Amino acid sequence: FIAFKLFAALFKASLNFSQIVIKIIYITLLVSRSCIESKTPLFLQKDSLQKDKFIHVKALKF
């Protein structure tokens, strides 16, 4: 029973860790994307903004 509790705690910790990693990757992607978009025309930016909103909603569901 103690081993099960330990395993559950480890599993929870790894789950939290993977969520943090996903969010870090997501933030770095957003930053690099905004750097790229500052060099792209405005009409292209609008399309990717909607994609960002979609990705953001997905990221918030984690």
PDB file of N, CA and C in Angstrom:
ATOM      1  N   PHE A   1       0.833  -1.209   0.000  1.00  0.00           N
ATOM      2  CA  PHE A   1       0.000   0.000   0.000  1.00  0.00           C
ATOM      3  C   PHE A   1       0.868   1.260   0.000  1.00  0.00           C
ATOM      4  N   ILE A   2       1.939   1.237   0.789  1.00  0.00           N
ATOM      5  CA  ILE A   2       2.862   2.385   0.830  1.00  0.00           C
ATOM      6  C   ILE A   2       3.533   2.559  -0.535  1.00  0.00           C
ATOM      7  N   ALA A   3       3.886   1.429  -1.146  1.00  0.00           N
ATOM      8  CA  ALA A   3       4.524   1.481  -2.465  1.00  0.00           C
ATOM      9  C   ALA A   3       3.573   2.107  -3.486  1.00  0.00           C
ATOM     10  N   PHE A   4       2.295   1.770  -3.367  1.00  0.00           N
ATOM     11  CA  PHE A   4       1.300   2.337  -4.279  1.00  0.00           C
ATOM     12  C   PHE A   4       1.202   3.845  -4.101  1.00  0.00           C
ATOM     13  N   LYS A   5       1.208   4.299  -2.837  1.00  0.00           N
ATOM     14  CA  LYS A   5       1.148   5.737  -2.560  1.00  0.00           C
ATOM     15  C   LYS A   5       2.360   6.444  -3.150  1.00  0.00           C
ATOM     16  N   LEU A   6       3.528   5.817  -2.999  1.00  0.00           N
ATOM     17  CA  LEU A   6       4.771   6.379  -3.526  1.00  0.00           C
ATOM     18  C   LEU A   6       4.682   6.494  -5.049  1.00  0.00           C
ATOM     19  N   PHE A   7       4.182   5.420  -5.682  1.00  0.00           N
ATOM     20  CA  PHE A   7       4.038   5.410  -7.131  1.00  0.00           C
ATOM     21  C   PHE A   7       3.074   6.504  -7.591  1.00  0.00           C
ATOM     22  N   ALA A   8       1.964   6.662  -6.856  1.00  0.00           N
ATOM     23  CA  ALA A   8       0.975   7.681  -7.200  1.00  0.00           C
ATOM     24  C   ALA A   8       1.586   9.078  -7.094  1.00  0.00           C
ATOM     25  N   ALA A   9       2.384   9.294  -6.048  1.00  0.00           N
ATOM     26  CA  ALA A   9       3.027  10.595  -5.865  1.00  0.00           C
ATOM     27  C   ALA A   9       4.019  10.866  -6.994  1.00  0.00           C
ATOM     28  N   LEU A  10       4.783   9.848  -7.363  1.00  0.00           N
ATOM     29  CA  LEU A  10       5.747   9.981  -8.459  1.00  0.00           C
ATOM     30  C   LEU A  10       5.029  10.277  -9.771  1.00  0.00           C
ATOM     31  N   PHE A  11       3.932   9.562 -10.000  1.00  0.00           N
ATOM     32  CA  PHE A  11       3.163   9.757 -11.227  1.00  0.00           C
ATOM     33  C   PHE A  11       2.619  11.177 -11.306  1.00  0.00           C
ATOM     34  N   LYS A  12       2.093  11.668 -10.177  1.00  0.00           N
ATOM     35  CA  LYS A  12       1.558  13.024 -10.116  1.00  0.00           C
ATOM     36  C   LYS A  12       2.657  14.043 -10.397  1.00  0.00           C
ATOM     37  N   ALA A  13       3.829  13.817  -9.812  1.00  0.00           N
ATOM     38  CA  ALA A  13       4.951  14.737  -9.994  1.00  0.00           C
ATOM     39  C   ALA A  13       5.388  14.771 -11.456  1.00  0.00           C
ATOM     40  N   SER A  14       5.463  13.592 -12.084  1.00  0.00           N
ATOM     41  CA  SER A  14       5.885  13.544 -13.484  1.00  0.00           C
ATOM     42  C   SER A  14       4.841  14.194 -14.384  1.00  0.00           C
ATOM     43  N   LEU A  15       3.570  14.067 -14.006  1.00  0.00           N
ATOM     44  CA  LEU A  15       2.496  14.700 -14.767  1.00  0.00           C
ATOM     45  C   LEU A  15       2.629  16.218 -14.699  1.00  0.00           C
ATOM     46  N   ASN A  16       2.848  16.738 -13.495  1.00  0.00           N
ATOM     47  CA  ASN A  16       3.043  18.179 -13.318  1.00  0.00           C
ATOM     48  C   ASN A  16       4.257  18.644 -14.097  1.00  0.00           C
ATOM     49  N   PHE A  17       5.334  17.852 -14.036  1.00  0.00           N
ATOM     50  CA  PHE A  17       6.570  18.211 -14.721  1.00  0.00           C
ATOM     51  C   PHE A  17       6.348  18.294 -16.228  1.00  0.00           C
ATOM     52  N   SER A  18       5.633  17.312 -16.786  1.00  0.00           N
ATOM     53  CA  SER A  18       5.389  17.312 -18.227  1.00  0.00           C
ATOM     54  C   SER A  18       4.530  18.504 -18.633  1.00  0.00           C
ATOM     55  N   GLN A  19       3.594  18.898 -17.761  1.00  0.00           N
ATOM     56  CA  GLN A  19       2.771  20.076 -18.054  1.00  0.00           C
ATOM     57  C   GLN A  19       3.630  21.332 -18.075  1.00  0.00           C
ATOM     58  N   ILE A  20       4.564  21.436 -17.122  1.00  0.00           N
ATOM     59  CA  ILE A  20       5.461  22.594 -17.080  1.00  0.00           C
ATOM     60  C   ILE A  20       6.307  22.632 -18.344  1.00  0.00           C
ATOM     61  N   VAL A  21       6.836  21.471 -18.741  1.00  0.00           N
ATOM     62  CA  VAL A  21       7.663  21.388 -19.951  1.00  0.00           C
ATOM     63  C   VAL A  21       6.859  21.823 -21.170  1.00  0.00           C
ATOM     64  N   ILE A  22       5.618  21.329 -21.273  1.00  0.00           N
ATOM     65  CA  ILE A  22       4.755  21.687 -22.402  1.00  0.00           C
ATOM     66  C   ILE A  22       4.525  23.193 -22.434  1.00  0.00           C
ATOM     67  N   LYS A  23       4.279  23.797 -21.254  1.00  0.00           N
ATOM     68  CA  LYS A  23       4.036  25.236 -21.206  1.00  0.00           C
ATOM     69  C   LYS A  23       5.280  26.022 -21.577  1.00  0.00           C
ATOM     70  N   ILE A  24       6.466  25.540 -21.143  1.00  0.00           N
ATOM     71  CA  ILE A  24       7.719  26.220 -21.499  1.00  0.00           C
ATOM     72  C   ILE A  24       7.921  26.173 -23.011  1.00  0.00           C
ATOM     73  N   ILE A  25       7.705  24.988 -23.594  1.00  0.00           N
ATOM     74  CA  ILE A  25       7.841  24.837 -25.045  1.00  0.00           C
ATOM     75  C   ILE A  25       6.855  25.759 -25.757  1.00  0.00           C
ATOM     76  N   TYR A  26       5.623  25.800 -25.242  1.00  0.00           N
ATOM     77  CA  TYR A  26       4.578  26.637 -25.832  1.00  0.00           C
ATOM     78  C   TYR A  26       4.968  28.111 -25.801  1.00  0.00           C
ATOM     79  N   ILE A  27       5.504  28.560 -24.655  1.00  0.00           N
ATOM     80  CA  ILE A  27       5.897  29.969 -24.522  1.00  0.00           C
ATOM     81  C   ILE A  27       7.045  30.293 -25.470  1.00  0.00           C
ATOM     82  N   THR A  28       8.045  29.402 -25.550  1.00  0.00           N
ATOM     83  CA  THR A  28       9.176  29.663 -26.441  1.00  0.00           C
ATOM     84  C   THR A  28       8.717  29.686 -27.897  1.00  0.00           C
ATOM     85  N   LEU A  29       7.758  28.819 -28.241  1.00  0.00           N
ATOM     86  CA  LEU A  29       7.206  28.830 -29.596  1.00  0.00           C
ATOM     87  C   LEU A  29       6.516  30.154 -29.885  1.00  0.00           C
ATOM     88  N   LEU A  30       5.738  30.638 -28.918  1.00  0.00           N
ATOM     89  CA  LEU A  30       5.037  31.907 -29.092  1.00  0.00           C
ATOM     90  C   LEU A  30       6.022  33.050 -29.280  1.00  0.00           C
ATOM     91  N   VAL A  31       7.080  33.055 -28.461  1.00  0.00           N
ATOM     92  CA  VAL A  31       8.070  34.134 -28.540  1.00  0.00           C
ATOM     93  C   VAL A  31       8.772  34.108 -29.890  1.00  0.00           C
ATOM     94  N   SER A  32       9.220  32.925 -30.310  1.00  0.00           N
ATOM     95  CA  SER A  32       9.916  32.826 -31.592  1.00  0.00           C
ATOM     96  C   SER A  32       8.974  33.183 -32.734  1.00  0.00           C
ATOM     97  N   ARG A  33       7.711  32.838 -32.572  1.00  0.00           N
ATOM     98  CA  ARG A  33       6.717  33.135 -33.596  1.00  0.00           C
ATOM     99  C   ARG A  33       6.497  34.638 -33.721  1.00  0.00           C
ATOM    100  N   SER A  34       6.407  35.318 -32.599  1.00  0.00           N
ATOM    101  CA  SER A  34       6.184  36.761 -32.647  1.00  0.00           C
ATOM    102  C   SER A  34       7.395  37.467 -33.247  1.00  0.00           C
ATOM    103  N   CYS A  35       8.589  36.914 -33.020  1.00  0.00           N
ATOM    104  CA  CYS A  35       9.791  37.482 -33.634  1.00  0.00           C
ATOM    105  C   CYS A  35       9.726  37.322 -35.150  1.00  0.00           C
ATOM    106  N   ILE A  36       9.273  36.157 -35.596  1.00  0.00           N
ATOM    107  CA  ILE A  36       9.146  35.913 -37.038  1.00  0.00           C
ATOM    108  C   ILE A  36       8.063  36.815 -37.621  1.00  0.00           C
ATOM    109  N   GLU A  37       6.952  36.949 -36.892  1.00  0.00           N
ATOM    110  CA  GLU A  37       5.817  37.706 -37.416  1.00  0.00           C
ATOM    111  C   GLU A  37       6.093  39.197 -37.491  1.00  0.00           C
ATOM    112  N   SER A  38       7.039  39.685 -36.699  1.00  0.00           N
ATOM    113  CA  SER A  38       7.371  41.106 -36.787  1.00  0.00           C
ATOM    114  C   SER A  38       8.019  41.413 -38.138  1.00  0.00           C
ATOM    115  N   LYS A  39       8.476  40.354 -38.820  1.00  0.00           N
ATOM    116  CA  LYS A  39       9.077  40.526 -40.145  1.00  0.00           C
ATOM    117  C   LYS A  39       8.100  40.188 -41.273  1.00  0.00           C
ATOM    118  N   THR A  40       6.918  39.655 -40.919  1.00  0.00           N
ATOM    119  CA  THR A  40       5.959  39.275 -41.952  1.00  0.00           C
ATOM    120  C   THR A  40       4.858  40.318 -42.092  1.00  0.00           C
ATOM    121  N   PRO A  41       4.227  40.391 -43.255  1.00  0.00           N
ATOM    122  CA  PRO A  41       3.153  41.366 -43.486  1.00  0.00           C
ATOM    123  C   PRO A  41       1.953  41.143 -42.572  1.00  0.00           C
ATOM    124  N   LEU A  42       1.183  42.201 -42.377  1.00  0.00           N
ATOM    125  CA  LEU A  42       0.066  42.179 -41.429  1.00  0.00           C
ATOM    126  C   LEU A  42      -1.017  41.180 -41.818  1.00  0.00           C
ATOM    127  N   PHE A  43      -1.322  41.082 -43.098  1.00  0.00           N
ATOM    128  CA  PHE A  43      -2.437  40.213 -43.493  1.00  0.00           C
ATOM    129  C   PHE A  43      -2.126  38.739 -43.199  1.00  0.00           C
ATOM    130  N   LEU A  44      -0.841  38.398 -43.117  1.00  0.00           N
ATOM    131  CA  LEU A  44      -0.468  37.035 -42.739  1.00  0.00           C
ATOM    132  C   LEU A  44      -0.556  36.850 -41.231  1.00  0.00           C
ATOM    133  N   GLN A  45      -0.343  37.937 -40.496  1.00  0.00           N
ATOM    134  CA  GLN A  45      -0.363  37.856 -39.038  1.00  0.00           C
ATOM    135  C   GLN A  45      -1.753  37.519 -38.516  1.00  0.00           C
ATOM    136  N   LYS A  46      -2.783  38.086 -39.141  1.00  0.00           N
ATOM    137  CA  LYS A  46      -4.155  37.880 -38.663  1.00  0.00           C
ATOM    138  C   LYS A  46      -4.515  36.400 -38.654  1.00  0.00           C
ATOM    139  N   ASP A  47      -4.117  35.698 -39.721  1.00  0.00           N
ATOM    140  CA  ASP A  47      -4.426  34.268 -39.816  1.00  0.00           C
ATOM    141  C   ASP A  47      -3.749  33.492 -38.688  1.00  0.00           C
ATOM    142  N   SER A  48      -2.480  33.803 -38.432  1.00  0.00           N
ATOM    143  CA  SER A  48      -1.753  33.060 -37.406  1.00  0.00           C
ATOM    144  C   SER A  48      -2.214  33.443 -36.008  1.00  0.00           C
ATOM    145  N   LEU A  49      -2.767  34.651 -35.856  1.00  0.00           N
ATOM    146  CA  LEU A  49      -3.307  35.048 -34.553  1.00  0.00           C
ATOM    147  C   LEU A  49      -4.464  34.140 -34.167  1.00  0.00           C
ATOM    148  N   GLN A  50      -5.302  33.803 -35.136  1.00  0.00           N
ATOM    149  CA  GLN A  50      -6.430  32.920 -34.843  1.00  0.00           C
ATOM    150  C   GLN A  50      -5.936  31.532 -34.491  1.00  0.00           C
ATOM    151  N   LYS A  51      -4.865  31.088 -35.158  1.00  0.00           N
ATOM    152  CA  LYS A  51      -4.270  29.795 -34.810  1.00  0.00           C
ATOM    153  C   LYS A  51      -3.727  29.838 -33.392  1.00  0.00           C
ATOM    154  N   ASP A  52      -3.093  30.959 -33.035  1.00  0.00           N
ATOM    155  CA  ASP A  52      -2.544  31.115 -31.687  1.00  0.00           C
ATOM    156  C   ASP A  52      -3.642  31.017 -30.644  1.00  0.00           C
ATOM    157  N   LYS A  53      -4.778  31.645 -30.922  1.00  0.00           N
ATOM    158  CA  LYS A  53      -5.902  31.582 -29.982  1.00  0.00           C
ATOM    159  C   LYS A  53      -6.341  30.137 -29.788  1.00  0.00           C
ATOM    160  N   PHE A  54      -6.407  29.397 -30.882  1.00  0.00           N
ATOM    161  CA  PHE A  54      -6.805  27.993 -30.833  1.00  0.00           C
ATOM    162  C   PHE A  54      -5.809  27.181 -30.010  1.00  0.00           C
ATOM    163  N   ILE A  55      -4.516  27.402 -30.256  1.00  0.00           N
ATOM    164  CA  ILE A  55      -3.464  26.703 -29.508  1.00  0.00           C
ATOM    165  C   ILE A  55      -3.529  27.090 -28.042  1.00  0.00           C
ATOM    166  N   HIS A  56      -3.774  28.368 -27.788  1.00  0.00           N
ATOM    167  CA  HIS A  56      -3.816  28.869 -26.416  1.00  0.00           C
ATOM    168  C   HIS A  56      -4.947  28.197 -25.638  1.00  0.00           C
ATOM    169  N   VAL A  57      -6.103  28.068 -26.267  1.00  0.00           N
ATOM    170  CA  VAL A  57      -7.241  27.404 -25.617  1.00  0.00           C
ATOM    171  C   VAL A  57      -6.878  25.957 -25.304  1.00  0.00           C
ATOM    172  N   LYS A  58      -6.196  25.304 -26.239  1.00  0.00           N
ATOM    173  CA  LYS A  58      -5.767  23.920 -26.014  1.00  0.00           C
ATOM    174  C   LYS A  58      -4.788  23.849 -24.852  1.00  0.00           C
ATOM    175  N   ALA A  59      -3.862  24.801 -24.786  1.00  0.00           N
ATOM    176  CA  ALA A  59      -2.855  24.803 -23.726  1.00  0.00           C
ATOM    177  C   ALA A  59      -3.497  25.048 -22.368  1.00  0.00           C
ATOM    178  N   LEU A  60      -4.542  25.874 -22.348  1.00  0.00           N
ATOM    179  CA  LEU A  60      -5.211  26.169 -21.083  1.00  0.00           C
ATOM    180  C   LEU A  60      -5.970  24.958 -20.555  1.00  0.00           C
ATOM    181  N   LYS A  61      -6.350  24.055 -21.448  1.00  0.00           N
ATOM    182  CA  LYS A  61      -7.106  22.875 -21.023  1.00  0.00           C
ATOM    183  C   LYS A  61      -6.232  21.863 -20.304  1.00  0.00           C
ATOM    184  N   PHE A  62      -4.929  22.003 -20.369  1.00  0.00           N
ATOM    185  CA  PHE A  62      -4.002  21.077 -19.699  1.00  0.00           C
ATOM    186  C   PHE A  62      -4.182  21.116 -18.195  1.00  0.00           C
TER     187      PHE A  62
END
